[in-house]
Amino acid sequence: MKRSHFDSSHLMRRAEDLINAASNRYRITVQVANRAQRRRFEEFDSLDDPKMKPVIRAIIEMSDELTQPEIIGE
């Protein structure tokens, strides 16, 4: 039974890319946690992908924003 659409090695690579691109490792970790917390509260209102954990979704979104700056919304 697969929990998400991304395998763990792909997710780890995305997380490493985020950390390597950040000037402060602690700050990017807090940003991911804050985004995951926001998504968890938003999850109650939406049915996007209830099987994907908020922290995984936050890592994916933030790494997409890193590689595709035109989609940054914050």
Protein backbone atom coordinates (compact mmCIF):
# COMPACT_ATOMS: atom_id res chain seq x y z
CA MET A 1 0.00 0.00 0.00
CA LYS A 2 1.55 3.24 -1.15
CA ARG A 3 0.99 6.31 1.02
CA SER A 4 1.77 9.07 -1.47
CA HIS A 5 2.39 9.63 -5.13
CA PHE A 6 6.11 10.29 -4.53
CA ASP A 7 8.63 7.70 -3.51
CA SER A 8 10.80 8.40 -0.50
CA SER A 9 14.03 8.93 -2.46
CA HIS A 10 12.35 11.55 -4.65
CA LEU A 11 10.94 13.27 -1.56
CA MET A 12 14.34 13.22 0.16
CA ARG A 13 15.96 14.76 -2.92
CA ARG A 14 13.38 17.55 -2.92
CA ALA A 15 13.95 18.18 0.80
CA GLU A 16 17.73 18.26 0.29
CA ASP A 17 17.32 20.73 -2.58
CA LEU A 18 15.29 22.99 -0.31
CA ILE A 19 17.87 22.83 2.48
CA ASN A 20 20.79 23.38 0.10
CA ALA A 21 19.12 26.41 -1.50
CA ALA A 22 18.31 27.99 1.86
CA SER A 23 20.73 30.35 3.54
CA ASN A 24 19.57 29.14 6.95
CA ARG A 25 18.73 25.49 7.57
CA TYR A 26 16.67 26.20 10.68
CA ARG A 27 14.61 28.86 8.91
CA ILE A 28 13.66 26.61 5.98
CA THR A 29 12.71 23.84 8.42
CA VAL A 30 10.42 26.24 10.28
CA GLN A 31 8.94 27.47 7.00
CA VAL A 32 8.13 23.91 5.93
CA ALA A 33 6.58 23.21 9.34
CA ASN A 34 4.49 26.39 9.21
CA ARG A 35 3.25 25.62 5.71
CA ALA A 36 2.40 22.06 6.76
CA GLN A 37 0.47 23.35 9.74
CA ARG A 38 -1.50 25.78 7.53
CA ARG A 39 -2.23 22.97 5.07
CA ARG A 40 -3.43 20.71 7.87
CA PHE A 41 -6.03 23.28 8.88
CA GLU A 42 -6.99 23.91 5.26
CA GLU A 43 -7.31 20.17 4.68
CA PHE A 44 -10.53 20.09 6.68
CA ASP A 45 -12.14 22.40 4.12
CA SER A 46 -10.75 20.70 1.04
CA LEU A 47 -10.52 17.19 -0.28
CA ASP A 48 -7.41 17.63 -2.50
CA ASP A 49 -5.45 14.54 -1.48
CA PRO A 50 -6.33 13.43 2.04
CA LYS A 51 -3.79 10.59 1.90
CA MET A 52 -0.82 12.95 1.47
CA LYS A 53 0.49 14.23 4.78
CA PRO A 54 0.71 18.04 5.11
CA VAL A 55 4.49 18.05 5.62
CA ILE A 56 5.03 16.05 2.43
CA ARG A 57 2.75 18.39 0.54
CA ALA A 58 4.64 21.40 1.97
CA ILE A 59 8.02 20.00 0.85
CA ILE A 60 6.68 19.30 -2.63
CA GLU A 61 5.09 22.74 -2.98
CA MET A 62 8.15 24.58 -1.68
CA SER A 63 10.54 22.63 -3.88
CA ASP A 64 8.29 23.35 -6.88
CA GLU A 65 8.44 27.04 -6.00
CA LEU A 66 12.21 26.77 -5.84
CA THR A 67 12.49 25.19 -9.28
CA GLN A 68 9.62 27.18 -10.84
CA PRO A 69 9.76 30.71 -9.38
CA GLU A 70 6.81 31.85 -11.49
CA ILE A 71 4.41 29.89 -9.24
CA ILE A 72 5.47 31.51 -5.95
CA GLY A 73 2.37 32.83 -4.26
CA GLU A 74 3.69 34.08 -0.92
